[in-house]
Amino acid sequence: MKPTLPKILLLGLLANTVITPALHAATGSDIPRGTAYAIGLLGLVVVGLAIYLAAVIVQPEKF
């Protein structure tokens, strides 16, 4: 089963809904809810890029 773009986006959004309340609780009411969602999404993008780049470094012949 190959992950398609809609599945990847869905998993990213679901992970963001799990991460954001924890981030919002850790910072208290200092940052707005929308900003907490943006920070959570940015964190997921950074982790995804790091995994992709590690895969490209380890297996360059596939890319």
C-alpha atoms as a PDB file:
ATOM      1  CA  MET A   1       0.000   0.000   0.000  1.00  0.00           C
ATOM      2  CA  LYS A   2       1.697   3.150  -1.236  1.00  0.00           C
ATOM      3  CA  PRO A   3       1.001   6.339   0.734  1.00  0.00           C
ATOM      4  CA  THR A   4      -0.654   8.906  -1.481  1.00  0.00           C
ATOM      5  CA  LEU A   5      -0.686  12.660  -0.999  1.00  0.00           C
ATOM      6  CA  PRO A   6      -4.218  12.793   0.487  1.00  0.00           C
ATOM      7  CA  LYS A   7      -3.312  10.110   3.027  1.00  0.00           C
ATOM      8  CA  ILE A   8      -0.121  11.924   3.971  1.00  0.00           C
ATOM      9  CA  LEU A   9      -1.993  15.223   4.371  1.00  0.00           C
ATOM     10  CA  LEU A  10      -4.686  13.543   6.463  1.00  0.00           C
ATOM     11  CA  LEU A  11      -2.115  11.961   8.769  1.00  0.00           C
ATOM     12  CA  GLY A  12      -0.321  15.285   9.081  1.00  0.00           C
ATOM     13  CA  LEU A  13      -3.506  17.100  10.042  1.00  0.00           C
ATOM     14  CA  LEU A  14      -4.439  14.389  12.536  1.00  0.00           C
ATOM     15  CA  ALA A  15      -0.983  14.552  14.097  1.00  0.00           C
ATOM     16  CA  ASN A  16      -1.330  18.324  14.274  1.00  0.00           C
ATOM     17  CA  THR A  17      -4.598  18.003  16.208  1.00  0.00           C
ATOM     18  CA  VAL A  18      -2.742  15.858  18.749  1.00  0.00           C
ATOM     19  CA  ILE A  19       0.333  18.096  19.040  1.00  0.00           C
ATOM     20  CA  THR A  20      -1.405  21.479  19.156  1.00  0.00           C
ATOM     21  CA  PRO A  21      -3.358  21.086  22.430  1.00  0.00           C
ATOM     22  CA  ALA A  22      -0.176  19.975  24.187  1.00  0.00           C
ATOM     23  CA  LEU A  23       1.686  22.964  22.784  1.00  0.00           C
ATOM     24  CA  HIS A  24      -1.127  25.314  23.761  1.00  0.00           C
ATOM     25  CA  ALA A  25      -1.252  23.845  27.287  1.00  0.00           C
ATOM     26  CA  ALA A  26       2.507  24.133  27.702  1.00  0.00           C
ATOM     27  CA  THR A  27       2.549  27.814  26.777  1.00  0.00           C
ATOM     28  CA  GLY A  28      -0.625  28.718  28.608  1.00  0.00           C
ATOM     29  CA  SER A  29      -2.644  31.534  27.099  1.00  0.00           C
ATOM     30  CA  ASP A  30       0.408  33.405  25.868  1.00  0.00           C
ATOM     31  CA  ILE A  31      -0.071  32.458  22.217  1.00  0.00           C
ATOM     32  CA  PRO A  32      -3.358  32.310  20.321  1.00  0.00           C
ATOM     33  CA  ARG A  33      -4.844  28.977  19.281  1.00  0.00           C
ATOM     34  CA  GLY A  34      -4.238  29.611  15.570  1.00  0.00           C
ATOM     35  CA  THR A  35      -0.577  30.321  16.212  1.00  0.00           C
ATOM     36  CA  ALA A  36      -0.285  27.073  18.162  1.00  0.00           C
ATOM     37  CA  TYR A  37      -1.712  25.179  15.170  1.00  0.00           C
ATOM     38  CA  ALA A  38       0.747  26.930  12.840  1.00  0.00           C
ATOM     39  CA  ILE A  39       3.707  26.049  15.083  1.00  0.00           C
ATOM     40  CA  GLY A  40       2.558  22.428  15.283  1.00  0.00           C
ATOM     41  CA  LEU A  41       2.203  22.209  11.499  1.00  0.00           C
ATOM     42  CA  LEU A  42       5.614  23.813  11.007  1.00  0.00           C
ATOM     43  CA  GLY A  43       7.136  21.266  13.376  1.00  0.00           C
ATOM     44  CA  LEU A  44       5.580  18.411  11.398  1.00  0.00           C
ATOM     45  CA  VAL A  45       6.947  19.822   8.134  1.00  0.00           C
ATOM     46  CA  VAL A  46      10.434  20.131   9.635  1.00  0.00           C
ATOM     47  CA  VAL A  47      10.381  16.535  10.914  1.00  0.00           C
ATOM     48  CA  GLY A  48       9.093  15.303   7.544  1.00  0.00           C
ATOM     49  CA  LEU A  49      11.848  17.108   5.655  1.00  0.00           C
ATOM     50  CA  ALA A  50      14.469  15.751   8.032  1.00  0.00           C
ATOM     51  CA  ILE A  51      13.265  12.187   7.442  1.00  0.00           C
ATOM     52  CA  TYR A  52      13.199  12.725   3.681  1.00  0.00           C
ATOM     53  CA  LEU A  53      16.697  14.199   3.606  1.00  0.00           C
ATOM     54  CA  ALA A  54      18.047  11.382   5.762  1.00  0.00           C
ATOM     55  CA  ALA A  55      16.544   8.864   3.322  1.00  0.00           C
ATOM     56  CA  VAL A  56      18.106  10.704   0.366  1.00  0.00           C
ATOM     57  CA  ILE A  57      21.517  10.678   2.044  1.00  0.00           C
ATOM     58  CA  VAL A  58      21.314   6.984   2.959  1.00  0.00           C
ATOM     59  CA  GLN A  59      19.838   5.762  -0.361  1.00  0.00           C
ATOM     60  CA  PRO A  60      20.791   8.269  -3.076  1.00  0.00           C
ATOM     61  CA  GLU A  61      20.400   5.775  -5.937  1.00  0.00           C
ATOM     62  CA  LYS A  62      16.602   5.660  -5.405  1.00  0.00           C
ATOM     63  CA  PHE A  63      16.292   9.389  -6.052  1.00  0.00           C
END
